[in-house]
């Protein structure tokens, strides 16, 4: 790994430090400064020439500043003659802007993908994109990790005989189905209509949840509106309680207060793709930094990432040949 250089933007230095510790590679220095006219400038403090550069930066609030910082760091690495530049973006916030569902709006996921390429990005390493089509917005390679195996590990070893996995909507049902399969549990789903960014209505629950403890799985939680709505519907349909599980725990607005003090939510579990809220000690956070470290090692060494998904995500796992080939 001598030719690997890892930098971190300002969004989540703790994650980058843990990643480097797992790799046995030092975290190289970088400085972001601000001119008097409020423009940003990024400087990398380690040699990049002909080296494999990885820049760690989840897109978390203030999202636009962190995005520009990432673009400038990529551009600085390109100007410093890096052999390859990988943007390590554990949370790609613009993935939610993945379709034109109203007149005259920008498809932000595609636009930001093009900006990253223009800045000099060779490839991206990310986790749990909001929808499959976002992968296709990139003309550079994208290595897309999943957290459902790590999240499932939190529940293994428990008595889950009276549990059910619940997806807040049909769009997330495929990931929830994989999660339910890992835990050998039945699956149910909500029927959701989104009225605004922070307002949803769940009309019904498809599946049997009466008398069961529901494990709600979502890819991202911001304000918690969808979660609160599905929790209320589960109570109405006879569920005995809920656990909330997500990959990206943003918990913006009043989400910490609303979810942390809810009498029908026994626990909230997330990964560390984004910084942990400072005022929620009861939040359970599972680290995916070792997974990212393994992926970086494989990328640098030219090894396949498919074996990382074996038994977890059949879409990306190596094909089963049954000894025929």
C-alpha atoms as a PDB file:
ATOM      1  CA  UNK A   1       0.000   0.000   0.000  1.00  0.00           C
ATOM      2  CA  UNK A   2       3.014   2.321  -0.301  1.00  0.00           C
ATOM      3  CA  UNK A   3       1.539   4.008  -3.383  1.00  0.00           C
ATOM      4  CA  UNK A   4      -1.777   4.798  -1.643  1.00  0.00           C
ATOM      5  CA  UNK A   5      -2.440   8.320  -0.358  1.00  0.00           C
ATOM      6  CA  UNK A   6      -5.637   9.044   1.590  1.00  0.00           C
ATOM      7  CA  UNK A   7      -6.985  12.523   2.280  1.00  0.00           C
ATOM      8  CA  UNK A   8     -10.083  13.626   4.140  1.00  0.00           C
ATOM      9  CA  UNK A   9     -12.315  16.598   3.621  1.00  0.00           C
ATOM     10  CA  UNK A  10     -13.842  18.328   6.628  1.00  0.00           C
ATOM     11  CA  UNK A  11     -17.163  16.436   6.550  1.00  0.00           C
ATOM     12  CA  UNK A  12     -16.210  13.313   8.547  1.00  0.00           C
ATOM     13  CA  UNK A  13     -12.552  13.109   9.555  1.00  0.00           C
ATOM     14  CA  UNK A  14     -13.315  10.475  12.235  1.00  0.00           C
ATOM     15  CA  UNK A  15     -14.483   8.035   9.560  1.00  0.00           C
ATOM     16  CA  UNK A  16     -11.379   8.691   7.434  1.00  0.00           C
ATOM     17  CA  UNK A  17      -9.107   8.156  10.453  1.00  0.00           C
ATOM     18  CA  UNK A  18     -10.767   4.820  11.301  1.00  0.00           C
ATOM     19  CA  UNK A  19     -10.550   3.752   7.660  1.00  0.00           C
ATOM     20  CA  UNK A  20      -6.824   4.528   7.572  1.00  0.00           C
ATOM     21  CA  UNK A  21      -6.272   2.674  10.840  1.00  0.00           C
ATOM     22  CA  UNK A  22      -7.859  -0.427   9.317  1.00  0.00           C
ATOM     23  CA  UNK A  23      -5.682  -0.096   6.204  1.00  0.00           C
ATOM     24  CA  UNK A  24      -2.464   0.653   8.075  1.00  0.00           C
ATOM     25  CA  UNK A  25      -2.018   3.797   5.969  1.00  0.00           C
ATOM     26  CA  UNK A  26      -1.522   7.294   7.470  1.00  0.00           C
ATOM     27  CA  UNK A  27      -4.156   9.942   6.863  1.00  0.00           C
ATOM     28  CA  UNK A  28      -2.418  12.643   4.831  1.00  0.00           C
ATOM     29  CA  UNK A  29      -2.976  16.287   5.600  1.00  0.00           C
ATOM     30  CA  UNK A  30      -5.235  18.652   3.716  1.00  0.00           C
ATOM     31  CA  UNK A  31      -6.217  22.258   4.359  1.00  0.00           C
ATOM     32  CA  UNK A  32      -9.360  24.057   3.262  1.00  0.00           C
ATOM     33  CA  UNK A  33      -9.263  27.828   3.595  1.00  0.00           C
ATOM     34  CA  UNK A  34     -11.679  30.619   2.777  1.00  0.00           C
ATOM     35  CA  UNK A  35     -10.892  33.867   0.992  1.00  0.00           C
ATOM     36  CA  UNK A  36     -12.335  37.213   2.082  1.00  0.00           C
ATOM     37  CA  UNK A  37     -14.908  36.935  -0.709  1.00  0.00           C
ATOM     38  CA  UNK A  38     -16.150  33.618   0.798  1.00  0.00           C
ATOM     39  CA  UNK A  39     -14.578  31.406  -1.906  1.00  0.00           C
ATOM     40  CA  UNK A  40     -13.038  28.120  -0.798  1.00  0.00           C
ATOM     41  CA  UNK A  41      -9.548  26.858  -1.576  1.00  0.00           C
ATOM     42  CA  UNK A  42      -8.247  23.317  -0.965  1.00  0.00           C
ATOM     43  CA  UNK A  43      -4.610  22.299  -0.598  1.00  0.00           C
ATOM     44  CA  UNK A  44      -3.248  18.742  -0.297  1.00  0.00           C
ATOM     45  CA  UNK A  45      -0.190  18.423   1.932  1.00  0.00           C
ATOM     46  CA  UNK A  46       1.276  15.148   0.627  1.00  0.00           C
ATOM     47  CA  UNK A  47       2.896  14.066  -2.613  1.00  0.00           C
ATOM     48  CA  UNK A  48       0.364  12.687  -5.132  1.00  0.00           C
ATOM     49  CA  UNK A  49       2.543  12.234  -8.236  1.00  0.00           C
ATOM     50  CA  UNK A  50       1.871   8.850  -9.883  1.00  0.00           C
ATOM     51  CA  UNK A  51       0.147   7.633  -6.734  1.00  0.00           C
ATOM     52  CA  UNK A  52      -3.279   6.112  -6.036  1.00  0.00           C
ATOM     53  CA  UNK A  53      -5.228   8.891  -4.296  1.00  0.00           C
ATOM     54  CA  UNK A  54      -8.411   8.382  -2.241  1.00  0.00           C
ATOM     55  CA  UNK A  55     -10.372  11.403  -0.961  1.00  0.00           C
ATOM     56  CA  UNK A  56     -12.929  10.714   1.787  1.00  0.00           C
ATOM     57  CA  UNK A  57     -15.905  13.057   1.943  1.00  0.00           C
ATOM     58  CA  UNK A  58     -19.562  12.161   2.606  1.00  0.00           C
ATOM     59  CA  UNK A  59     -21.992  14.787   1.327  1.00  0.00           C
ATOM     60  CA  UNK A  60     -23.576  15.900   4.590  1.00  0.00           C
ATOM     61  CA  UNK A  61     -24.791  19.328   5.736  1.00  0.00           C
ATOM     62  CA  UNK A  62     -23.615  21.884   4.806  1.00  0.00           C
ATOM     63  CA  UNK A  63     -23.847  19.700   1.706  1.00  0.00           C
ATOM     64  CA  UNK A  64     -22.987  22.312  -0.904  1.00  0.00           C
ATOM     65  CA  UNK A  65     -19.812  23.410   0.908  1.00  0.00           C
ATOM     66  CA  UNK A  66     -18.682  19.819   1.342  1.00  0.00           C
ATOM     67  CA  UNK A  67     -19.373  19.115  -2.328  1.00  0.00           C
ATOM     68  CA  UNK A  68     -17.295  22.093  -3.493  1.00  0.00           C
ATOM     69  CA  UNK A  69     -14.526  21.117  -1.080  1.00  0.00           C
ATOM     70  CA  UNK A  70     -14.506  17.595  -2.558  1.00  0.00           C
ATOM     71  CA  UNK A  71     -14.416  18.937  -6.132  1.00  0.00           C
ATOM     72  CA  UNK A  72     -11.467  21.185  -5.283  1.00  0.00           C
ATOM     73  CA  UNK A  73      -9.556  18.399  -3.562  1.00  0.00           C
ATOM     74  CA  UNK A  74     -10.053  16.140  -6.595  1.00  0.00           C
ATOM     75  CA  UNK A  75      -8.906  18.952  -8.879  1.00  0.00           C
ATOM     76  CA  UNK A  76      -5.846  19.537  -6.679  1.00  0.00           C
ATOM     77  CA  UNK A  77      -4.936  15.831  -6.871  1.00  0.00           C
ATOM     78  CA  UNK A  78      -5.313  15.877 -10.659  1.00  0.00           C
ATOM     79  CA  UNK A  79      -3.091  18.948 -10.870  1.00  0.00           C
ATOM     80  CA  UNK A  80      -0.546  17.139  -8.704  1.00  0.00           C
ATOM     81  CA  UNK A  81      -0.315  14.300 -11.304  1.00  0.00           C
ATOM     82  CA  UNK A  82      -2.099  11.570  -9.321  1.00  0.00           C
ATOM     83  CA  UNK A  83      -2.233   8.256 -11.195  1.00  0.00           C
ATOM     84  CA  UNK A  84      -5.830   7.574 -10.128  1.00  0.00           C
ATOM     85  CA  UNK A  85      -8.278   9.562  -7.988  1.00  0.00           C
ATOM     86  CA  UNK A  86     -11.080   7.788  -6.140  1.00  0.00           C
ATOM     87  CA  UNK A  87     -13.764   9.826  -4.393  1.00  0.00           C
ATOM     88  CA  UNK A  88     -14.802   7.896  -1.288  1.00  0.00           C
ATOM     89  CA  UNK A  89     -18.318   9.228  -0.682  1.00  0.00           C
ATOM     90  CA  UNK A  90     -19.988   7.066   1.989  1.00  0.00           C
ATOM     91  CA  UNK A  91     -23.179   9.120   1.655  1.00  0.00           C
ATOM     92  CA  UNK A  92     -24.043  10.546  -1.780  1.00  0.00           C
ATOM     93  CA  UNK A  93     -26.747  13.009  -0.736  1.00  0.00           C
ATOM     94  CA  UNK A  94     -27.836  13.959  -4.253  1.00  0.00           C
ATOM     95  CA  UNK A  95     -28.944  10.381  -4.953  1.00  0.00           C
ATOM     96  CA  UNK A  96     -32.455  11.375  -3.874  1.00  0.00           C
ATOM     97  CA  UNK A  97     -32.654  13.775  -6.835  1.00  0.00           C
ATOM     98  CA  UNK A  98     -32.796  10.897  -9.316  1.00  0.00           C
ATOM     99  CA  UNK A  99     -35.784  11.620 -11.582  1.00  0.00           C
ATOM    100  CA  UNK A 100     -37.799  14.388 -13.158  1.00  0.00           C
ATOM    101  CA  UNK A 101     -41.040  14.069 -11.185  1.00  0.00           C
ATOM    102  CA  UNK A 102     -42.100  17.711 -11.685  1.00  0.00           C
ATOM    103  CA  UNK A 103     -41.822  20.240 -14.478  1.00  0.00           C
ATOM    104  CA  UNK A 104     -38.584  22.174 -15.008  1.00  0.00           C
ATOM    105  CA  UNK A 105     -36.449  20.651 -12.248  1.00  0.00           C
ATOM    106  CA  UNK A 106     -32.838  19.548 -12.294  1.00  0.00           C
ATOM    107  CA  UNK A 107     -31.838  15.915 -11.897  1.00  0.00           C
ATOM    108  CA  UNK A 108     -29.224  16.701  -9.284  1.00  0.00           C
ATOM    109  CA  UNK A 109     -27.805  13.166  -9.005  1.00  0.00           C
ATOM    110  CA  UNK A 110     -26.732  13.205 -12.651  1.00  0.00           C
ATOM    111  CA  UNK A 111     -25.455  16.787 -12.590  1.00  0.00           C
ATOM    112  CA  UNK A 112     -23.225  16.178  -9.550  1.00  0.00           C
ATOM    113  CA  UNK A 113     -21.933  12.951 -11.116  1.00  0.00           C
ATOM    114  CA  UNK A 114     -20.827  14.965 -14.141  1.00  0.00           C
ATOM    115  CA  UNK A 115     -19.228  17.634 -11.930  1.00  0.00           C
ATOM    116  CA  UNK A 116     -17.197  14.966 -10.118  1.00  0.00           C
ATOM    117  CA  UNK A 117     -15.953  13.550 -13.414  1.00  0.00           C
ATOM    118  CA  UNK A 118     -15.093  17.018 -14.741  1.00  0.00           C
ATOM    119  CA  UNK A 119     -13.070  17.781 -11.619  1.00  0.00           C
ATOM    120  CA  UNK A 120     -10.861  14.765 -12.342  1.00  0.00           C
ATOM    121  CA  UNK A 121     -12.442  11.842 -10.459  1.00  0.00           C
ATOM    122  CA  UNK A 122     -11.383   8.446 -11.840  1.00  0.00           C
ATOM    123  CA  UNK A 123     -13.928   6.386  -9.902  1.00  0.00           C
ATOM    124  CA  UNK A 124     -16.244   6.608  -6.898  1.00  0.00           C
ATOM    125  CA  UNK A 125     -16.650   4.350  -3.867  1.00  0.00           C
ATOM    126  CA  UNK A 126     -19.984   4.793  -2.103  1.00  0.00           C
ATOM    127  CA  UNK A 127     -22.633   2.970  -0.089  1.00  0.00           C
ATOM    128  CA  UNK A 128     -26.369   2.349  -0.485  1.00  0.00           C
ATOM    129  CA  UNK A 129     -27.370   4.746  -3.243  1.00  0.00           C
ATOM    130  CA  UNK A 130     -31.002   5.804  -2.947  1.00  0.00           C
ATOM    131  CA  UNK A 131     -32.058   4.055  -6.168  1.00  0.00           C
ATOM    132  CA  UNK A 132     -30.399   1.734  -8.714  1.00  0.00           C
ATOM    133  CA  UNK A 133     -30.600   4.198 -11.622  1.00  0.00           C
ATOM    134  CA  UNK A 134     -28.204   6.614  -9.867  1.00  0.00           C
ATOM    135  CA  UNK A 135     -25.376   4.188 -10.619  1.00  0.00           C
ATOM    136  CA  UNK A 136     -26.030   4.738 -14.324  1.00  0.00           C
ATOM    137  CA  UNK A 137     -25.618   8.522 -14.041  1.00  0.00           C
ATOM    138  CA  UNK A 138     -21.842   8.080 -13.698  1.00  0.00           C
ATOM    139  CA  UNK A 139     -19.639   7.651 -16.768  1.00  0.00           C
ATOM    140  CA  UNK A 140     -16.760   6.711 -14.463  1.00  0.00           C
ATOM    141  CA  UNK A 141     -16.649   3.399 -12.535  1.00  0.00           C
ATOM    142  CA  UNK A 142     -18.683   3.262  -9.320  1.00  0.00           C
ATOM    143  CA  UNK A 143     -18.107   0.672  -6.592  1.00  0.00           C
ATOM    144  CA  UNK A 144     -21.346   0.468  -4.646  1.00  0.00           C
ATOM    145  CA  UNK A 145     -21.216  -1.138  -1.198  1.00  0.00           C
ATOM    146  CA  UNK A 146     -24.173  -2.282   0.899  1.00  0.00           C
ATOM    147  CA  UNK A 147     -24.588  -2.040   4.671  1.00  0.00           C
ATOM    148  CA  UNK A 148     -27.387  -4.586   5.119  1.00  0.00           C
ATOM    149  CA  UNK A 149     -24.969  -7.336   6.175  1.00  0.00           C
ATOM    150  CA  UNK A 150     -23.474  -5.157   8.914  1.00  0.00           C
ATOM    151  CA  UNK A 151     -26.919  -3.982  10.035  1.00  0.00           C
ATOM    152  CA  UNK A 152     -28.184  -7.576  10.120  1.00  0.00           C
ATOM    153  CA  UNK A 153     -25.262  -8.496  12.386  1.00  0.00           C
ATOM    154  CA  UNK A 154     -26.772  -6.215  15.040  1.00  0.00           C
ATOM    155  CA  UNK A 155     -29.832  -8.474  15.309  1.00  0.00           C
ATOM    156  CA  UNK A 156     -28.148 -11.857  15.001  1.00  0.00           C
ATOM    157  CA  UNK A 157     -28.089 -13.905  18.179  1.00  0.00           C
ATOM    158  CA  UNK A 158     -31.439 -12.522  19.374  1.00  0.00           C
ATOM    159  CA  UNK A 159     -34.734 -14.357  19.595  1.00  0.00           C
ATOM    160  CA  UNK A 160     -36.461 -13.031  16.474  1.00  0.00           C
ATOM    161  CA  UNK A 161     -39.356 -15.492  16.459  1.00  0.00           C
ATOM    162  CA  UNK A 162     -41.950 -12.716  16.796  1.00  0.00           C
ATOM    163  CA  UNK A 163     -40.258 -10.167  14.497  1.00  0.00           C
ATOM    164  CA  UNK A 164     -40.981  -8.918  10.989  1.00  0.00           C
ATOM    165  CA  UNK A 165     -38.949  -6.683   8.645  1.00  0.00           C
ATOM    166  CA  UNK A 166     -40.890  -3.672   7.360  1.00  0.00           C
ATOM    167  CA  UNK A 167     -40.048  -1.411   4.428  1.00  0.00           C
ATOM    168  CA  UNK A 168     -41.580   2.099   4.596  1.00  0.00           C
ATOM    169  CA  UNK A 169     -42.496   1.897   0.891  1.00  0.00           C
ATOM    170  CA  UNK A 170     -42.437  -0.455  -2.094  1.00  0.00           C
ATOM    171  CA  UNK A 171     -39.420   1.335  -3.607  1.00  0.00           C
ATOM    172  CA  UNK A 172     -37.186   0.124  -0.775  1.00  0.00           C
ATOM    173  CA  UNK A 173     -38.756  -3.339  -0.634  1.00  0.00           C
ATOM    174  CA  UNK A 174     -35.953  -5.087  -2.569  1.00  0.00           C
ATOM    175  CA  UNK A 175     -33.300  -4.085  -0.032  1.00  0.00           C
ATOM    176  CA  UNK A 176     -35.685  -4.952   2.814  1.00  0.00           C
ATOM    177  CA  UNK A 177     -36.270  -8.361   1.215  1.00  0.00           C
ATOM    178  CA  UNK A 178     -32.518  -9.057   1.225  1.00  0.00           C
ATOM    179  CA  UNK A 179     -32.331  -7.909   4.848  1.00  0.00           C
ATOM    180  CA  UNK A 180     -35.268 -10.144   5.812  1.00  0.00           C
ATOM    181  CA  UNK A 181     -33.623 -13.086   4.064  1.00  0.00           C
ATOM    182  CA  UNK A 182     -30.426 -12.597   6.061  1.00  0.00           C
ATOM    183  CA  UNK A 183     -32.424 -12.773   9.303  1.00  0.00           C
ATOM    184  CA  UNK A 184     -34.873 -15.434   8.061  1.00  0.00           C
ATOM    185  CA  UNK A 185     -37.838 -13.165   8.782  1.00  0.00           C
ATOM    186  CA  UNK A 186     -41.088 -12.343   6.955  1.00  0.00           C
ATOM    187  CA  UNK A 187     -41.448  -9.042   5.111  1.00  0.00           C
ATOM    188  CA  UNK A 188     -44.110  -6.341   5.117  1.00  0.00           C
ATOM    189  CA  UNK A 189     -44.242  -2.943   3.438  1.00  0.00           C
ATOM    190  CA  UNK A 190     -45.985   0.381   3.732  1.00  0.00           C
ATOM    191  CA  UNK A 191     -47.834   2.052   0.862  1.00  0.00           C
ATOM    192  CA  UNK A 192     -46.384   5.573   0.875  1.00  0.00           C
ATOM    193  CA  UNK A 193     -47.283   8.814  -0.863  1.00  0.00           C
ATOM    194  CA  UNK A 194     -44.868  11.746  -0.527  1.00  0.00           C
ATOM    195  CA  UNK A 195     -46.590  15.135  -0.213  1.00  0.00           C
ATOM    196  CA  UNK A 196     -43.412  17.172   0.351  1.00  0.00           C
ATOM    197  CA  UNK A 197     -39.776  16.654   1.273  1.00  0.00           C
ATOM    198  CA  UNK A 198     -40.721  16.255   4.943  1.00  0.00           C
ATOM    199  CA  UNK A 199     -44.360  15.168   4.619  1.00  0.00           C
ATOM    200  CA  UNK A 200     -45.530  11.678   3.698  1.00  0.00           C
ATOM    201  CA  UNK A 201     -48.713   9.666   4.038  1.00  0.00           C
ATOM    202  CA  UNK A 202     -48.708   5.882   4.451  1.00  0.00           C
ATOM    203  CA  UNK A 203     -52.141   4.602   3.512  1.00  0.00           C
ATOM    204  CA  UNK A 204     -51.796   0.948   4.482  1.00  0.00           C
ATOM    205  CA  UNK A 205     -49.496  -1.897   5.496  1.00  0.00           C
ATOM    206  CA  UNK A 206     -49.092  -4.828   3.113  1.00  0.00           C
ATOM    207  CA  UNK A 207     -48.228  -7.939   5.108  1.00  0.00           C
ATOM    208  CA  UNK A 208     -48.944  -9.401   8.530  1.00  0.00           C
ATOM    209  CA  UNK A 209     -47.552  -7.336  11.422  1.00  0.00           C
ATOM    210  CA  UNK A 210     -50.168  -8.027  14.131  1.00  0.00           C
ATOM    211  CA  UNK A 211     -48.584  -9.255  17.357  1.00  0.00           C
ATOM    212  CA  UNK A 212     -45.045  -8.796  15.991  1.00  0.00           C
ATOM    213  CA  UNK A 213     -42.118  -6.517  16.696  1.00  0.00           C
ATOM    214  CA  UNK A 214     -41.307  -4.622  13.473  1.00  0.00           C
ATOM    215  CA  UNK A 215     -37.745  -3.926  12.322  1.00  0.00           C
ATOM    216  CA  UNK A 216     -38.139  -0.925  10.013  1.00  0.00           C
ATOM    217  CA  UNK A 217     -35.402  -0.694   7.386  1.00  0.00           C
ATOM    218  CA  UNK A 218     -34.759   2.460   5.350  1.00  0.00           C
ATOM    219  CA  UNK A 219     -31.715   3.573   3.374  1.00  0.00           C
ATOM    220  CA  UNK A 220     -31.687   7.117   4.814  1.00  0.00           C
ATOM    221  CA  UNK A 221     -33.379   9.014   7.627  1.00  0.00           C
ATOM    222  CA  UNK A 222     -33.341  12.809   7.517  1.00  0.00           C
ATOM    223  CA  UNK A 223     -36.244  14.473   9.351  1.00  0.00           C
ATOM    224  CA  UNK A 224     -37.795  11.120  10.309  1.00  0.00           C
ATOM    225  CA  UNK A 225     -41.202  11.943   8.811  1.00  0.00           C
ATOM    226  CA  UNK A 226     -41.534   8.649   6.928  1.00  0.00           C
ATOM    227  CA  UNK A 227     -40.432   6.662   9.974  1.00  0.00           C
ATOM    228  CA  UNK A 228     -42.926   8.335  12.298  1.00  0.00           C
ATOM    229  CA  UNK A 229     -45.708   7.736   9.794  1.00  0.00           C
ATOM    230  CA  UNK A 230     -44.904   4.031   9.383  1.00  0.00           C
ATOM    231  CA  UNK A 231     -44.570   3.625  13.166  1.00  0.00           C
ATOM    232  CA  UNK A 232     -48.085   5.036  13.659  1.00  0.00           C
ATOM    233  CA  UNK A 233     -49.520   2.716  11.000  1.00  0.00           C
ATOM    234  CA  UNK A 234     -47.768  -0.303  12.524  1.00  0.00           C
ATOM    235  CA  UNK A 235     -49.304   0.523  15.902  1.00  0.00           C
ATOM    236  CA  UNK A 236     -52.727   0.785  14.230  1.00  0.00           C
ATOM    237  CA  UNK A 237     -52.220  -2.653  12.634  1.00  0.00           C
ATOM    238  CA  UNK A 238     -51.404  -4.374  15.918  1.00  0.00           C
ATOM    239  CA  UNK A 239     -47.607  -4.436  16.020  1.00  0.00           C
ATOM    240  CA  UNK A 240     -46.166  -4.756  19.533  1.00  0.00           C
ATOM    241  CA  UNK A 241     -43.241  -2.365  19.006  1.00  0.00           C
ATOM    242  CA  UNK A 242     -40.617  -1.214  16.515  1.00  0.00           C
ATOM    243  CA  UNK A 243     -36.877  -0.991  15.958  1.00  0.00           C
ATOM    244  CA  UNK A 244     -35.581   1.466  13.357  1.00  0.00           C
ATOM    245  CA  UNK A 245     -32.592   0.607  11.174  1.00  0.00           C
ATOM    246  CA  UNK A 246     -30.935   2.733   8.488  1.00  0.00           C
ATOM    247  CA  UNK A 247     -27.675   3.066   6.601  1.00  0.00           C
ATOM    248  CA  UNK A 248     -27.445   6.867   6.521  1.00  0.00           C
ATOM    249  CA  UNK A 249     -28.558   8.420   9.825  1.00  0.00           C
ATOM    250  CA  UNK A 250     -28.649  12.150   9.036  1.00  0.00           C
ATOM    251  CA  UNK A 251     -31.268  12.948  11.698  1.00  0.00           C
ATOM    252  CA  UNK A 252     -31.860  16.556  10.695  1.00  0.00           C
ATOM    253  CA  UNK A 253     -34.349  19.016  12.155  1.00  0.00           C
ATOM    254  CA  UNK A 254     -36.183  17.534  15.152  1.00  0.00           C
ATOM    255  CA  UNK A 255     -35.446  13.923  14.192  1.00  0.00           C
ATOM    256  CA  UNK A 256     -33.335  13.156  17.288  1.00  0.00           C
ATOM    257  CA  UNK A 257     -36.059  14.421  19.618  1.00  0.00           C
ATOM    258  CA  UNK A 258     -38.904  12.780  17.693  1.00  0.00           C
ATOM    259  CA  UNK A 259     -37.304   9.365  17.262  1.00  0.00           C
ATOM    260  CA  UNK A 260     -35.246   9.172  20.450  1.00  0.00           C
ATOM    261  CA  UNK A 261     -38.219   9.825  22.737  1.00  0.00           C
ATOM    262  CA  UNK A 262     -40.882   7.840  20.886  1.00  0.00           C
ATOM    263  CA  UNK A 263     -42.672   5.331  23.129  1.00  0.00           C
ATOM    264  CA  UNK A 264     -43.154   2.802  20.283  1.00  0.00           C
ATOM    265  CA  UNK A 265     -39.491   2.766  19.130  1.00  0.00           C
ATOM    266  CA  UNK A 266     -37.217   0.555  21.252  1.00  0.00           C
ATOM    267  CA  UNK A 267     -33.951   1.398  19.464  1.00  0.00           C
ATOM    268  CA  UNK A 268     -32.498   3.182  16.446  1.00  0.00           C
ATOM    269  CA  UNK A 269     -29.550   1.625  14.600  1.00  0.00           C
ATOM    270  CA  UNK A 270     -27.454   3.229  11.848  1.00  0.00           C
ATOM    271  CA  UNK A 271     -23.963   3.088  10.347  1.00  0.00           C
ATOM    272  CA  UNK A 272     -21.216   5.703  10.589  1.00  0.00           C
ATOM    273  CA  UNK A 273     -21.355   6.865   6.950  1.00  0.00           C
ATOM    274  CA  UNK A 274     -22.259  10.291   8.374  1.00  0.00           C
ATOM    275  CA  UNK A 275     -21.162  11.918  11.669  1.00  0.00           C
ATOM    276  CA  UNK A 276     -22.974  10.814  14.804  1.00  0.00           C
ATOM    277  CA  UNK A 277     -25.423  13.291  16.414  1.00  0.00           C
ATOM    278  CA  UNK A 278     -23.816  14.732  19.538  1.00  0.00           C
ATOM    279  CA  UNK A 279     -26.980  14.726  21.646  1.00  0.00           C
ATOM    280  CA  UNK A 280     -28.138  11.113  21.227  1.00  0.00           C
ATOM    281  CA  UNK A 281     -26.089   8.705  23.385  1.00  0.00           C
ATOM    282  CA  UNK A 282     -28.659   5.894  23.006  1.00  0.00           C
ATOM    283  CA  UNK A 283     -28.204   5.748  19.230  1.00  0.00           C
ATOM    284  CA  UNK A 284     -26.575   2.480  18.121  1.00  0.00           C
ATOM    285  CA  UNK A 285     -23.964   3.043  15.418  1.00  0.00           C
ATOM    286  CA  UNK A 286     -22.313   0.209  13.453  1.00  0.00           C
ATOM    287  CA  UNK A 287     -19.001   0.964  11.764  1.00  0.00           C
ATOM    288  CA  UNK A 288     -18.601   0.318   8.032  1.00  0.00           C
ATOM    289  CA  UNK A 289     -15.087   1.809   7.939  1.00  0.00           C
ATOM    290  CA  UNK A 290     -13.495  -1.700   7.847  1.00  0.00           C
ATOM    291  CA  UNK A 291     -15.650  -2.516   4.798  1.00  0.00           C
ATOM    292  CA  UNK A 292     -14.521   0.639   3.009  1.00  0.00           C
ATOM    293  CA  UNK A 293     -10.913  -0.116   3.949  1.00  0.00           C
ATOM    294  CA  UNK A 294     -11.214  -3.598   2.426  1.00  0.00           C
ATOM    295  CA  UNK A 295     -12.750  -2.110  -0.731  1.00  0.00           C
ATOM    296  CA  UNK A 296      -9.922   0.437  -1.049  1.00  0.00           C
ATOM    297  CA  UNK A 297      -7.324  -2.304  -0.693  1.00  0.00           C
ATOM    298  CA  UNK A 298      -9.055  -4.351  -3.419  1.00  0.00           C
ATOM    299  CA  UNK A 299      -9.353  -1.345  -5.744  1.00  0.00           C
ATOM    300  CA  UNK A 300      -5.673  -0.507  -5.340  1.00  0.00           C
ATOM    301  CA  UNK A 301      -4.553  -4.121  -5.840  1.00  0.00           C
ATOM    302  CA  UNK A 302      -6.842  -4.691  -8.828  1.00  0.00           C
ATOM    303  CA  UNK A 303      -8.896  -7.346  -7.039  1.00  0.00           C
ATOM    304  CA  UNK A 304     -12.602  -8.038  -7.443  1.00  0.00           C
ATOM    305  CA  UNK A 305     -15.070  -6.585  -4.970  1.00  0.00           C
ATOM    306  CA  UNK A 306     -17.709  -9.206  -5.781  1.00  0.00           C
ATOM    307  CA  UNK A 307     -16.694 -11.590  -2.999  1.00  0.00           C
ATOM    308  CA  UNK A 308     -17.564  -8.875  -0.469  1.00  0.00           C
ATOM    309  CA  UNK A 309     -21.233  -9.352  -1.396  1.00  0.00           C
ATOM    310  CA  UNK A 310     -21.327 -13.164  -1.191  1.00  0.00           C
ATOM    311  CA  UNK A 311     -24.296 -14.201   0.943  1.00  0.00           C
ATOM    312  CA  UNK A 312     -25.414 -10.583   1.342  1.00  0.00           C
ATOM    313  CA  UNK A 313     -26.367  -9.081  -2.016  1.00  0.00           C
ATOM    314  CA  UNK A 314     -26.956 -11.599  -4.852  1.00  0.00           C
ATOM    315  CA  UNK A 315     -27.091  -8.772  -7.415  1.00  0.00           C
ATOM    316  CA  UNK A 316     -23.384  -8.011  -6.990  1.00  0.00           C
ATOM    317  CA  UNK A 317     -22.076 -11.332  -5.652  1.00  0.00           C
ATOM    318  CA  UNK A 318     -20.020 -13.618  -7.918  1.00  0.00           C
ATOM    319  CA  UNK A 319     -22.205 -15.981  -9.983  1.00  0.00           C
ATOM    320  CA  UNK A 320     -22.804 -19.528  -8.744  1.00  0.00           C
ATOM    321  CA  UNK A 321     -21.608 -21.976 -11.419  1.00  0.00           C
ATOM    322  CA  UNK A 322     -22.341 -25.277  -9.604  1.00  0.00           C
ATOM    323  CA  UNK A 323     -19.074 -26.577 -10.977  1.00  0.00           C
ATOM    324  CA  UNK A 324     -20.265 -26.457 -14.606  1.00  0.00           C
ATOM    325  CA  UNK A 325     -17.620 -23.985 -15.777  1.00  0.00           C
END
